[in-house]
Amino acid sequence: MFRAALPRAAPRASLRACGPKAVSSTFISPQCFGLAAQNAATPLIPVRDHDLVIIGGGVAGYVAAIKAGQQGLKTACIEKRGTLGGTCLNVGCIPSKSLLNNSHLYHQILHDTKKRGIEVGDVKLNLAQMLKAKQTSVDGLTKGVEFLLKKNGVDYIKGAGSFVDANTIKVDLLDGGEQTVRGKNILIATGSESTPFPGLNIDEKRVITSTGALELQEVPKKMVVIGGGIIGLEMASVWSRLGAEVTVVEFLGQIGGPGMDAEIAKQAQKILAKQGIKFKTNTKVVKGDDSGATVSLNVEAAKGGKEETLDADVVLVAIGRRPYTDGLNIENVGIDKDDRGRLVIDQEFRTKVPHIRVVGDVTFGPMLAHKAEEEAVAAIEYIKTGHGHVNYAAIPSVMYTHPEVAWVGQNEAEVKASGVKYNVGSFPFSANSRAKTNLDTEGVVKFIADAETDRILGVHIIGPGAGEMIAEATLAIEYGASSEDVARTCHAHPTLSEAFKEAAMATYSKPIHF
């Protein structure tokens, strides 16, 4: 049973006998204090007691910390990066969106202004300023998160945490020294890291992960991206727009990853190819050599075939991410991992040590920031009230290329495999008035609905504003809406969202404008 401090008792024989439970931030038993004074070689480090200790200050960790603070739990959040927000805020979602937005503006000014009646002069890329703008956004947001932790009474500890026992965490502080914290509840939210490619040494300059792709100091002449998932395609878009010759090598037969609907993925590849990105699908990288002036990759057909060599100034390894548990010492508490390194949990995010829970990328499910946030809130609700909620059937995904690609629910292949009879309805942005006035008409909205009940099973969008529009689809699936429910809901005119309404109309009846 966890206790904040043991009652004062007769002196013990050693500091070890006193144990961490005899110490708190406000109370040190006299016998332990005396022993500490006698043994200067083993100074006593005060132990801070909390209702909840969170290891990891990324999206999952800091959201859990804020929620716990709001719920009145005495909370500590341990983060070793030195800034909060994790991969997403520091070297992932946020900085990549800055580069995607600004590189798109640059590309649009170069190639898409004359027909709009805008004459431009000499347009130059100032990459240093573009990177500075990205960092300004990151710095502002990380400081904002730190303020929110302080506002909600959370102890923010900068350092690397590791388990001493099931309730005690040792923190190697970034500014030197150690600190020990103890929690009635522990939440592990240590996130994920880029999966390396065998045989290539990642230096974040010539062989890079997504982290290095956000910091290149010059535009490479040639870039090869290993992996045609969301991260690879977003970074391919950035550097292609800025002038690099980009080739994407993807093992599968389609880009975007297995969750993207095949029809939408085919359209996305066609559009991105028109923008200048080259694709080699159904292709595997056999080996790589980064010892020369350029990085060489040997590739061949995924099912075997003639080898081909690709040379590049920069190779981006974007083959996925893996759970990060280095240095946690989870073996000290007996927490299980599966064969993919994910920490094993039950439906309430509990490990086999019930007061230790896990959320985010380090455990099961899609590695998405918003999924991690939902789990973080639910985990705190379980701790505080005994119940929580995450609907894994309504977790949207977005690829922030141009046009954007977004989806939620099942894709057509998954629905077909389930044996459920279904209807499909779609509506092209080329028939949407707002898209036409914006001269941005590539893409389509696609609905999949149960043929018997008309309940929406999945929505897939490629087109302008897809990442914003998918929220309506997610809400519809969360509440079990039918395509007719959406179709009979008034949408403002002229907006891109009318394409969403018309696709719903096409699913249960017929669209008006196509």
Protein backbone atom coordinates (compact mmCIF):
# COMPACT_ATOMS: atom_id res chain seq x y z
CA MET A 1 0.00 0.00 0.00
CA PHE A 2 1.36 3.43 -0.94
CA ARG A 3 1.95 5.92 1.87
CA ALA A 4 3.29 9.48 1.76
CA ALA A 5 5.57 8.87 4.76
CA LEU A 6 6.07 6.25 7.43
CA PRO A 7 5.34 7.21 11.07
CA ARG A 8 8.35 8.31 13.07
CA ALA A 9 10.01 5.25 14.53
CA ALA A 10 13.18 4.08 16.27
CA PRO A 11 16.41 4.75 14.34
CA ARG A 12 17.26 2.15 11.72
CA ALA A 13 20.70 0.71 11.04
CA SER A 14 21.23 2.38 7.67
CA LEU A 15 19.90 4.87 5.17
CA ARG A 16 18.67 1.95 3.05
CA ALA A 17 16.57 0.83 5.98
CA CYS A 18 15.02 4.29 6.21
CA GLY A 19 13.89 3.91 2.60
CA PRO A 20 12.24 6.48 0.36
CA LYS A 21 8.95 6.29 2.23
CA ALA A 22 10.52 7.93 5.25
CA VAL A 23 11.21 11.04 3.21
CA SER A 24 8.97 13.62 1.61
CA SER A 25 9.41 17.15 0.30
CA THR A 26 8.26 18.51 3.65
CA PHE A 27 9.27 15.80 6.13
CA ILE A 28 12.52 13.92 6.83
CA SER A 29 12.49 11.60 9.79
CA PRO A 30 15.09 12.53 12.41
CA GLN A 31 16.82 9.17 12.31
CA CYS A 32 17.32 9.42 8.53
CA PHE A 33 18.54 13.01 8.81
CA GLY A 34 21.07 11.95 11.43
CA LEU A 35 22.35 9.06 9.35
CA ALA A 36 22.64 11.32 6.32
CA ALA A 37 24.73 13.77 8.32
CA GLN A 38 27.00 10.94 9.44
CA ASN A 39 27.50 9.67 5.88
CA ALA A 40 28.42 12.64 3.70
CA ALA A 41 29.45 10.28 0.88
CA THR A 42 25.79 9.28 0.51
CA PRO A 43 23.80 12.53 0.65
CA LEU A 44 20.08 12.19 1.20
CA ILE A 45 17.96 13.28 -1.75
CA PRO A 46 14.47 14.40 -0.74
CA VAL A 47 11.66 12.37 -2.27
CA ARG A 48 8.65 14.25 -3.59
CA ASP A 49 5.29 12.52 -3.24
CA HIS A 50 2.56 12.91 -5.85
CA ASP A 51 -0.80 11.45 -6.73
CA LEU A 52 0.48 11.01 -10.28
CA VAL A 53 3.92 10.97 -11.87
CA ILE A 54 4.05 11.20 -15.66
CA ILE A 55 7.17 10.09 -17.53
CA GLY A 56 7.25 12.01 -20.80
CA GLY A 57 6.15 15.55 -21.60
CA GLY A 58 5.06 15.03 -25.19
CA VAL A 59 1.49 15.44 -26.41
CA ALA A 60 0.23 12.51 -24.35
CA GLY A 61 2.21 13.45 -21.24
CA TYR A 62 1.55 17.16 -21.07
CA VAL A 63 -2.17 16.76 -21.87
CA ALA A 64 -2.43 14.17 -19.10
CA ALA A 65 -0.60 16.54 -16.74
CA ILE A 66 -2.94 19.44 -17.49
CA LYS A 67 -6.03 17.23 -17.13
CA ALA A 68 -4.73 15.78 -13.87
CA GLY A 69 -4.04 19.24 -12.52
CA GLN A 70 -7.54 20.31 -13.45
CA GLN A 71 -8.87 17.28 -11.57
CA GLY A 72 -7.01 18.28 -8.42
CA LEU A 73 -4.34 15.57 -8.56
CA LYS A 74 -0.89 16.50 -7.27
CA THR A 75 1.05 15.83 -10.45
CA ALA A 76 4.65 15.76 -11.67
CA CYS A 77 5.63 15.62 -15.34
CA ILE A 78 9.17 14.46 -16.22
CA GLU A 79 10.61 15.40 -19.61
CA LYS A 80 14.24 15.01 -20.69
CA ARG A 81 14.16 17.08 -23.90
CA GLY A 82 14.25 20.37 -22.01
CA THR A 83 11.09 21.58 -23.74
CA LEU A 84 7.58 20.17 -23.58
CA GLY A 85 5.54 18.92 -26.51
CA GLY A 86 7.60 15.91 -27.49
CA THR A 87 8.30 14.92 -31.08
CA CYS A 88 5.05 16.44 -32.34
CA LEU A 89 5.64 19.98 -31.17
CA ASN A 90 9.43 20.11 -31.37
CA VAL A 91 10.43 18.05 -34.41
CA GLY A 92 7.23 16.67 -35.91
CA CYS A 93 3.68 17.82 -36.53
CA ILE A 94 4.13 21.52 -35.78
CA PRO A 95 7.42 22.44 -37.48
CA SER A 96 6.57 20.29 -40.50
CA LYS A 97 3.29 22.17 -40.98
CA SER A 98 5.18 25.45 -40.92
CA LEU A 99 7.48 24.26 -43.69
CA LEU A 100 4.59 22.73 -45.63
CA ASN A 101 2.59 25.95 -45.50
CA ASN A 102 5.44 28.27 -46.40
CA SER A 103 6.92 26.02 -49.08
CA HIS A 104 3.45 25.81 -50.63
CA LEU A 105 3.20 29.61 -50.68
CA TYR A 106 6.63 29.81 -52.33
CA HIS A 107 5.71 27.18 -54.91
CA GLN A 108 2.36 28.84 -55.60
CA ILE A 109 3.99 32.24 -56.15
CA LEU A 110 6.42 30.67 -58.60
CA HIS A 111 3.90 28.61 -60.55
CA ASP A 112 0.33 29.65 -59.83
CA THR A 113 -0.11 33.43 -59.81
CA LYS A 114 -0.24 34.54 -63.43
CA LYS A 115 -3.63 32.94 -64.09
CA ARG A 116 -4.91 34.66 -60.95
CA GLY A 117 -4.02 38.09 -62.28
CA ILE A 118 -0.97 38.51 -60.05
CA GLU A 119 2.27 39.51 -61.72
CA VAL A 120 5.36 38.83 -59.62
CA GLY A 121 8.95 39.88 -60.04
CA ASP A 122 12.09 38.13 -58.91
CA VAL A 123 11.09 35.51 -56.33
CA LYS A 124 13.86 34.12 -54.14
CA LEU A 125 13.96 31.48 -51.46
CA ASN A 126 15.39 32.56 -48.10
CA LEU A 127 15.69 29.15 -46.50
CA ALA A 128 17.28 30.49 -43.32
CA GLN A 129 14.29 32.78 -42.73
CA MET A 130 11.86 29.96 -43.51
CA LEU A 131 13.55 27.80 -40.88
CA LYS A 132 13.53 30.71 -38.44
CA ALA A 133 9.77 31.18 -38.93
CA LYS A 134 9.31 27.48 -38.21
CA GLN A 135 11.32 27.73 -34.99
CA THR A 136 9.45 30.83 -33.86
CA SER A 137 6.20 28.87 -34.01
CA VAL A 138 7.71 25.96 -32.09
CA ASP A 139 9.21 28.17 -29.38
CA GLY A 140 5.97 30.04 -28.81
CA LEU A 141 3.96 26.86 -28.46
CA THR A 142 6.40 25.06 -26.16
CA LYS A 143 6.46 28.06 -23.83
CA GLY A 144 2.68 28.12 -23.93
CA VAL A 145 2.50 24.49 -22.83
CA GLU A 146 4.94 25.14 -20.00
CA PHE A 147 2.70 28.01 -18.85
CA LEU A 148 -0.33 25.70 -18.87
CA LEU A 149 1.44 23.18 -16.64
CA LYS A 150 2.34 25.92 -14.21
CA LYS A 151 -1.21 27.32 -14.35
CA ASN A 152 -2.59 23.92 -13.36
CA GLY A 153 -0.14 23.33 -10.52
CA VAL A 154 1.95 20.64 -12.23
CA ASP A 155 5.55 20.09 -11.14
CA TYR A 156 7.60 20.14 -14.36
CA ILE A 157 10.87 18.24 -13.87
CA LYS A 158 13.50 18.52 -16.59
CA GLY A 159 15.39 15.25 -16.74
CA ALA A 160 15.36 11.56 -17.66
CA GLY A 161 13.19 9.36 -15.48
CA SER A 162 13.73 5.68 -14.69
CA PHE A 163 12.00 3.21 -12.39
CA VAL A 164 13.55 2.43 -9.02
CA ASP A 165 10.49 0.45 -8.01
CA ALA A 166 6.79 0.43 -8.88
CA ASN A 167 6.15 3.76 -7.15
CA THR A 168 9.52 5.48 -7.26
CA ILE A 169 11.15 7.30 -10.17
CA LYS A 170 14.74 8.52 -10.20
CA VAL A 171 15.31 11.59 -12.38
CA ASP A 172 18.73 12.45 -13.80
CA LEU A 173 18.29 16.20 -14.00
CA LEU A 174 19.36 18.08 -17.12
CA ASP A 175 21.18 20.67 -15.03
CA GLY A 176 23.02 17.99 -13.07
CA GLY A 177 22.28 15.89 -10.02
CA GLU A 178 19.37 13.62 -9.25
CA GLN A 179 15.87 13.92 -7.89
CA THR A 180 13.52 11.21 -6.73
CA VAL A 181 9.75 11.37 -7.06
CA ARG A 182 7.15 8.91 -5.93
CA GLY A 183 3.60 8.49 -7.17
CA LYS A 184 0.49 6.63 -6.16
CA ASN A 185 -0.07 6.39 -9.92
CA ILE A 186 2.50 6.36 -12.72
CA LEU A 187 1.74 7.20 -16.36
CA ILE A 188 4.27 6.26 -19.04
CA ALA A 189 4.05 8.52 -22.10
CA THR A 190 7.52 8.29 -23.60
CA GLY A 191 6.38 8.27 -27.24
CA SER A 192 8.25 6.90 -30.23
CA GLU A 193 11.34 7.39 -32.37
CA SER A 194 12.10 7.01 -36.07
CA THR A 195 12.81 3.45 -37.15
CA PRO A 196 16.34 3.23 -38.58
CA PHE A 197 17.20 1.53 -41.87
CA PRO A 198 19.73 -1.32 -41.60
CA GLY A 199 23.08 -0.45 -43.13
CA LEU A 200 22.57 3.33 -43.23
CA ASN A 201 24.14 5.55 -40.59
CA ILE A 202 21.76 8.36 -39.69
CA ASP A 203 23.74 11.58 -39.24
CA GLU A 204 20.76 13.94 -39.83
CA LYS A 205 22.74 15.64 -42.61
CA ARG A 206 23.01 13.22 -45.53
CA VAL A 207 21.06 10.27 -44.12
CA ILE A 208 18.21 11.82 -42.20
CA THR A 209 15.01 11.10 -40.34
CA SER A 210 12.09 13.49 -40.23
CA THR A 211 14.05 15.44 -37.60
CA GLY A 212 16.88 16.17 -40.03
CA ALA A 213 14.39 16.89 -42.82
CA LEU A 214 13.23 19.90 -40.81
CA GLU A 215 16.75 21.32 -40.43
CA LEU A 216 18.48 21.00 -43.83
CA GLN A 217 20.51 24.15 -44.34
CA GLU A 218 20.37 23.99 -48.14
CA VAL A 219 18.09 22.46 -50.73
CA PRO A 220 19.57 19.17 -51.93
CA LYS A 221 19.84 18.58 -55.66
CA LYS A 222 18.60 15.01 -55.31
CA MET A 223 16.67 13.47 -52.45
CA VAL A 224 15.46 9.89 -52.09
CA VAL A 225 12.73 9.14 -49.57
CA ILE A 226 12.55 5.57 -48.29
CA GLY A 227 8.90 5.10 -47.39
CA GLY A 228 5.79 6.53 -49.00
CA GLY A 229 3.75 7.05 -45.86
CA ILE A 230 2.47 10.35 -44.51
CA ILE A 231 5.78 11.58 -43.07
CA GLY A 232 7.73 10.68 -46.19
CA LEU A 233 5.25 12.33 -48.54
CA GLU A 234 4.98 15.51 -46.50
CA MET A 235 8.75 15.98 -46.41
CA ALA A 236 9.00 15.00 -50.07
CA SER A 237 6.50 17.77 -50.84
CA VAL A 238 8.46 20.39 -48.89
CA TRP A 239 11.81 19.79 -50.56
CA SER A 240 10.35 19.16 -54.00
CA ARG A 241 8.60 22.54 -53.85
CA LEU A 242 11.84 24.20 -52.81
CA GLY A 243 13.70 22.77 -55.81
CA ALA A 244 14.97 19.27 -55.00
CA GLU A 245 14.56 16.37 -57.39
CA VAL A 246 12.70 13.91 -55.16
CA THR A 247 12.14 10.17 -55.64
CA VAL A 248 9.93 8.20 -53.23
CA VAL A 249 10.60 4.46 -52.87
CA GLU A 250 7.67 2.53 -51.40
CA PHE A 251 7.57 -1.22 -50.73
CA LEU A 252 3.79 -1.45 -51.00
CA GLY A 253 1.74 -0.97 -54.14
CA GLN A 254 0.22 2.29 -52.96
CA ILE A 255 1.38 5.39 -51.14
CA GLY A 256 -0.04 6.81 -47.93
CA GLY A 257 0.09 3.68 -45.80
CA PRO A 258 -2.45 0.89 -45.37
CA GLY A 259 -5.15 3.12 -43.84
CA MET A 260 -5.55 5.33 -46.90
CA ASP A 261 -8.32 4.27 -49.28
CA ALA A 262 -6.83 2.76 -52.46
CA GLU A 263 -8.86 5.00 -54.77
CA ILE A 264 -7.78 8.11 -52.88
CA ALA A 265 -4.15 6.96 -52.75
CA LYS A 266 -4.12 6.49 -56.52
CA GLN A 267 -5.39 10.04 -57.01
CA ALA A 268 -2.87 11.42 -54.52
CA GLN A 269 0.04 9.76 -56.29
CA LYS A 270 -1.12 11.06 -59.66
CA ILE A 271 -1.42 14.64 -58.35
CA LEU A 272 1.92 14.57 -56.51
CA ALA A 273 3.61 13.15 -59.60
CA LYS A 274 2.30 16.11 -61.60
CA GLN A 275 3.96 18.34 -59.00
CA GLY A 276 7.32 16.73 -59.83
CA ILE A 277 7.75 13.93 -57.29
CA LYS A 278 8.88 10.61 -58.79
CA PHE A 279 7.54 7.34 -57.40
CA LYS A 280 8.83 3.79 -57.30
CA THR A 281 6.10 1.68 -55.68
CA ASN A 282 6.30 -2.09 -55.20
CA THR A 283 10.01 -1.47 -54.72
CA LYS A 284 12.34 -2.41 -51.88
CA VAL A 285 15.69 -0.97 -50.87
CA VAL A 286 18.13 -3.86 -50.79
CA LYS A 287 21.08 -2.00 -49.30
CA GLY A 288 22.59 1.43 -48.93
CA ASP A 289 26.07 2.92 -48.99
CA ASP A 290 26.75 6.32 -47.44
CA SER A 291 30.54 6.19 -47.65
CA GLY A 292 30.89 8.08 -50.94
CA ALA A 293 30.32 11.64 -52.10
CA THR A 294 26.65 10.75 -52.55
CA VAL A 295 24.46 8.18 -50.84
CA SER A 296 23.78 5.14 -53.04
CA LEU A 297 20.79 2.88 -52.68
CA ASN A 298 20.32 -0.47 -54.39
CA VAL A 299 16.64 -1.09 -55.10
CA GLU A 300 14.66 -3.82 -56.81
CA ALA A 301 11.07 -4.91 -57.31
CA ALA A 302 9.45 -5.96 -54.03
CA LYS A 303 8.91 -9.49 -55.37
CA GLY A 304 12.45 -9.69 -56.70
CA GLY A 305 13.98 -8.55 -59.96
CA LYS A 306 16.74 -6.55 -61.56
CA GLU A 307 18.60 -4.23 -59.21
CA GLU A 308 18.84 -0.50 -59.84
CA THR A 309 21.04 2.09 -58.15
CA LEU A 310 19.71 5.43 -56.96
CA ASP A 311 22.14 8.18 -55.96
CA ALA A 312 21.15 11.11 -53.79
CA ASP A 313 22.66 14.02 -51.89
CA VAL A 314 20.22 13.31 -49.08
CA VAL A 315 18.31 10.17 -48.16
CA LEU A 316 15.29 10.47 -45.87
CA VAL A 317 14.49 7.31 -43.91
CA ALA A 318 10.73 7.37 -43.33
CA ILE A 319 9.83 3.72 -42.83
CA GLY A 320 7.84 4.28 -39.66
CA ARG A 321 8.34 4.81 -35.95
CA ARG A 322 8.89 2.50 -33.00
CA PRO A 323 8.06 2.78 -29.29
CA TYR A 324 10.67 4.52 -27.16
CA THR A 325 11.48 2.96 -23.79
CA ASP A 326 15.27 3.40 -23.56
CA GLY A 327 16.49 4.02 -20.02
CA LEU A 328 13.11 3.49 -18.34
CA ASN A 329 14.27 0.36 -16.51
CA ILE A 330 10.83 -1.17 -16.90
CA GLU A 331 12.40 -4.52 -16.05
CA ASN A 332 12.57 -3.21 -12.47
CA VAL A 333 8.79 -3.35 -12.27
CA GLY A 334 8.05 -6.27 -14.62
CA ILE A 335 6.07 -4.42 -17.32
CA ASP A 336 5.58 -6.52 -20.46
CA LYS A 337 6.45 -5.62 -24.06
CA ASP A 338 5.05 -7.24 -27.18
CA ASP A 339 7.15 -8.36 -30.16
CA ARG A 340 7.07 -4.82 -31.59
CA GLY A 341 8.35 -3.20 -28.42
CA ARG A 342 4.97 -1.79 -27.37
CA LEU A 343 4.11 -1.76 -23.68
CA VAL A 344 1.23 -4.14 -23.00
CA ILE A 345 -1.91 -2.64 -21.45
CA ASP A 346 -5.55 -3.49 -20.84
CA GLN A 347 -8.63 -1.54 -21.90
CA GLU A 348 -8.06 0.98 -19.10
CA PHE A 349 -4.41 1.60 -20.13
CA ARG A 350 -3.15 -0.41 -17.14
CA THR A 351 -0.06 -2.58 -17.28
CA LYS A 352 0.03 -5.75 -15.20
CA VAL A 353 1.10 -3.41 -12.39
CA PRO A 354 -2.34 -1.80 -12.03
CA HIS A 355 -1.29 1.68 -10.88
CA ILE A 356 1.12 2.03 -13.84
CA ARG A 357 -0.65 3.08 -17.02
CA VAL A 358 0.61 3.72 -20.56
CA VAL A 359 -0.69 6.00 -23.32
CA GLY A 360 0.38 7.29 -26.73
CA ASP A 361 2.92 6.00 -29.23
CA VAL A 362 4.67 3.73 -26.73
CA THR A 363 1.68 1.38 -26.69
CA PHE A 364 -0.93 0.06 -29.13
CA GLY A 365 -2.82 1.95 -31.82
CA PRO A 366 -2.01 4.50 -34.51
CA MET A 367 0.92 6.79 -33.74
CA LEU A 368 -1.04 10.02 -33.95
CA ALA A 369 -0.85 13.02 -31.65
CA HIS A 370 -4.61 13.41 -31.36
CA LYS A 371 -5.04 9.72 -30.51
CA ALA A 372 -2.45 10.20 -27.75
CA GLU A 373 -4.36 13.23 -26.43
CA GLU A 374 -7.62 11.28 -26.26
CA GLU A 375 -5.92 8.46 -24.38
CA ALA A 376 -4.26 10.91 -21.99
CA VAL A 377 -7.58 12.46 -20.99
CA ALA A 378 -9.25 9.05 -20.68
CA ALA A 379 -6.42 7.68 -18.53
CA ILE A 380 -6.79 10.55 -16.05
CA GLU A 381 -10.54 10.01 -15.98
CA TYR A 382 -9.96 6.33 -15.16
CA ILE A 383 -7.63 7.32 -12.31
CA LYS A 384 -10.01 9.94 -10.96
CA THR A 385 -13.46 8.46 -11.61
CA GLY A 386 -12.98 4.86 -12.73
CA HIS A 387 -14.29 5.39 -16.25
CA GLY A 388 -13.04 6.93 -19.50
CA HIS A 389 -13.66 6.82 -23.24
CA VAL A 390 -11.74 6.61 -26.52
CA ASN A 391 -13.51 5.56 -29.71
CA TYR A 392 -10.78 4.01 -31.85
CA ALA A 393 -13.21 3.71 -34.75
CA ALA A 394 -13.33 7.50 -34.96
CA ILE A 395 -9.67 8.54 -35.07
CA PRO A 396 -9.01 10.73 -38.14
CA SER A 397 -5.79 10.78 -40.15
CA VAL A 398 -4.52 13.70 -42.23
CA MET A 399 -1.70 14.06 -44.76
CA TYR A 400 -0.81 17.74 -45.16
CA THR A 401 0.39 17.66 -48.75
CA HIS A 402 -1.40 19.80 -51.31
CA PRO A 403 -4.08 18.83 -51.83
CA GLU A 404 -4.55 17.43 -48.35
CA VAL A 405 -5.68 13.85 -47.81
CA ALA A 406 -7.83 12.95 -44.79
CA TRP A 407 -9.86 9.98 -43.70
CA VAL A 408 -11.72 8.47 -40.78
CA GLY A 409 -13.35 5.09 -40.26
CA GLN A 410 -12.94 2.16 -42.62
CA ASN A 411 -11.64 2.28 -46.17
CA GLU A 412 -13.43 0.44 -48.95
CA ALA A 413 -11.12 -2.59 -48.88
CA GLU A 414 -11.73 -3.04 -45.14
CA VAL A 415 -15.51 -2.77 -45.51
CA LYS A 416 -15.47 -5.23 -48.40
CA ALA A 417 -13.38 -7.69 -46.38
CA SER A 418 -15.87 -7.47 -43.49
CA GLY A 419 -18.65 -8.78 -45.72
CA VAL A 420 -20.97 -5.86 -45.01
CA LYS A 421 -22.98 -4.66 -47.98
CA TYR A 422 -22.28 -1.00 -48.57
CA ASN A 423 -22.97 2.02 -50.72
CA VAL A 424 -20.39 4.50 -51.98
CA GLY A 425 -21.08 8.11 -52.85
CA SER A 426 -18.61 10.73 -54.03
CA PHE A 427 -18.47 14.32 -55.17
CA PRO A 428 -15.58 16.06 -56.97
CA PHE A 429 -14.24 19.44 -55.93
CA SER A 430 -14.29 20.38 -59.62
CA ALA A 431 -18.07 20.75 -59.19
CA ASN A 432 -17.82 22.82 -56.01
CA SER A 433 -18.32 26.55 -56.45
CA ARG A 434 -15.83 27.66 -53.76
CA ALA A 435 -13.13 25.36 -55.10
CA LYS A 436 -13.70 26.78 -58.56
CA THR A 437 -13.41 30.39 -57.40
CA ASN A 438 -10.20 29.44 -55.56
CA LEU A 439 -8.84 27.76 -58.71
CA ASP A 440 -8.15 24.72 -56.54
CA THR A 441 -10.36 21.92 -57.79
CA GLU A 442 -8.37 18.69 -57.62
CA GLY A 443 -9.81 15.96 -55.44
CA VAL A 444 -12.98 14.30 -54.24
CA VAL A 445 -15.04 13.49 -51.14
CA LYS A 446 -15.94 9.82 -50.78
CA PHE A 447 -18.50 8.31 -48.38
CA ILE A 448 -18.93 4.64 -47.51
CA ALA A 449 -22.17 3.70 -45.75
CA ASP A 450 -23.91 0.51 -44.66
CA ALA A 451 -26.35 -0.42 -47.44
CA GLU A 452 -29.02 -1.57 -44.98
CA THR A 453 -28.87 1.10 -42.26
CA ASP A 454 -27.14 3.96 -44.15
CA ARG A 455 -24.81 4.38 -41.16
CA ILE A 456 -21.54 6.02 -42.21
CA LEU A 457 -18.65 3.55 -42.09
CA GLY A 458 -15.88 5.71 -43.50
CA VAL A 459 -15.16 9.04 -45.18
CA HIS A 460 -12.14 9.72 -47.39
CA ILE A 461 -11.21 13.12 -48.78
CA ILE A 462 -8.50 14.37 -51.08
CA GLY A 463 -8.76 18.06 -51.79
CA PRO A 464 -8.44 21.58 -50.40
CA GLY A 465 -9.25 21.82 -46.69
CA ALA A 466 -9.56 18.05 -46.27
CA GLY A 467 -7.87 18.16 -42.86
CA GLU A 468 -10.47 20.59 -41.52
CA MET A 469 -13.43 18.94 -43.22
CA ILE A 470 -12.67 15.51 -41.76
CA ALA A 471 -13.78 16.78 -38.34
CA GLU A 472 -17.39 16.74 -39.49
CA ALA A 473 -16.99 13.16 -40.67
CA THR A 474 -15.42 12.16 -37.35
CA LEU A 475 -18.31 13.68 -35.43
CA ALA A 476 -20.79 11.89 -37.69
CA ILE A 477 -19.13 8.52 -37.06
CA GLU A 478 -18.84 9.19 -33.32
CA TYR A 479 -22.58 9.70 -33.09
CA GLY A 480 -23.56 6.98 -35.55
CA ALA A 481 -24.96 9.34 -38.19
CA SER A 482 -26.27 8.18 -41.53
CA SER A 483 -25.30 9.72 -44.86
CA GLU A 484 -28.85 11.09 -45.05
CA ASP A 485 -28.33 12.84 -41.69
CA VAL A 486 -25.38 14.71 -43.17
CA ALA A 487 -27.13 15.34 -46.48
CA ARG A 488 -30.12 16.92 -44.74
CA THR A 489 -27.90 19.23 -42.65
CA CYS A 490 -27.65 22.74 -44.09
CA HIS A 491 -24.13 23.70 -45.16
CA ALA A 492 -23.17 27.32 -45.85
CA HIS A 493 -22.79 28.48 -49.45
CA PRO A 494 -20.32 28.94 -50.99
CA THR A 495 -18.00 26.69 -48.98
CA LEU A 496 -15.82 23.68 -49.65
CA SER A 497 -17.93 21.79 -47.12
CA GLU A 498 -20.78 21.70 -49.61
CA ALA A 499 -18.78 19.00 -51.40
CA PHE A 500 -19.05 17.00 -48.18
CA LYS A 501 -22.84 17.43 -48.13
CA GLU A 502 -23.15 16.52 -51.81
CA ALA A 503 -21.06 13.36 -51.34
CA ALA A 504 -23.44 12.33 -48.55
CA MET A 505 -26.37 13.00 -50.90
CA ALA A 506 -24.71 10.84 -53.55
CA THR A 507 -24.45 7.99 -51.03
CA TYR A 508 -28.09 7.64 -50.09
CA SER A 509 -29.71 9.34 -53.12
CA LYS A 510 -28.26 11.67 -55.78
CA PRO A 511 -26.22 14.87 -55.61
CA ILE A 512 -27.67 18.13 -56.92
CA HIS A 513 -24.65 19.73 -58.55
CA PHE A 514 -23.06 16.78 -60.31
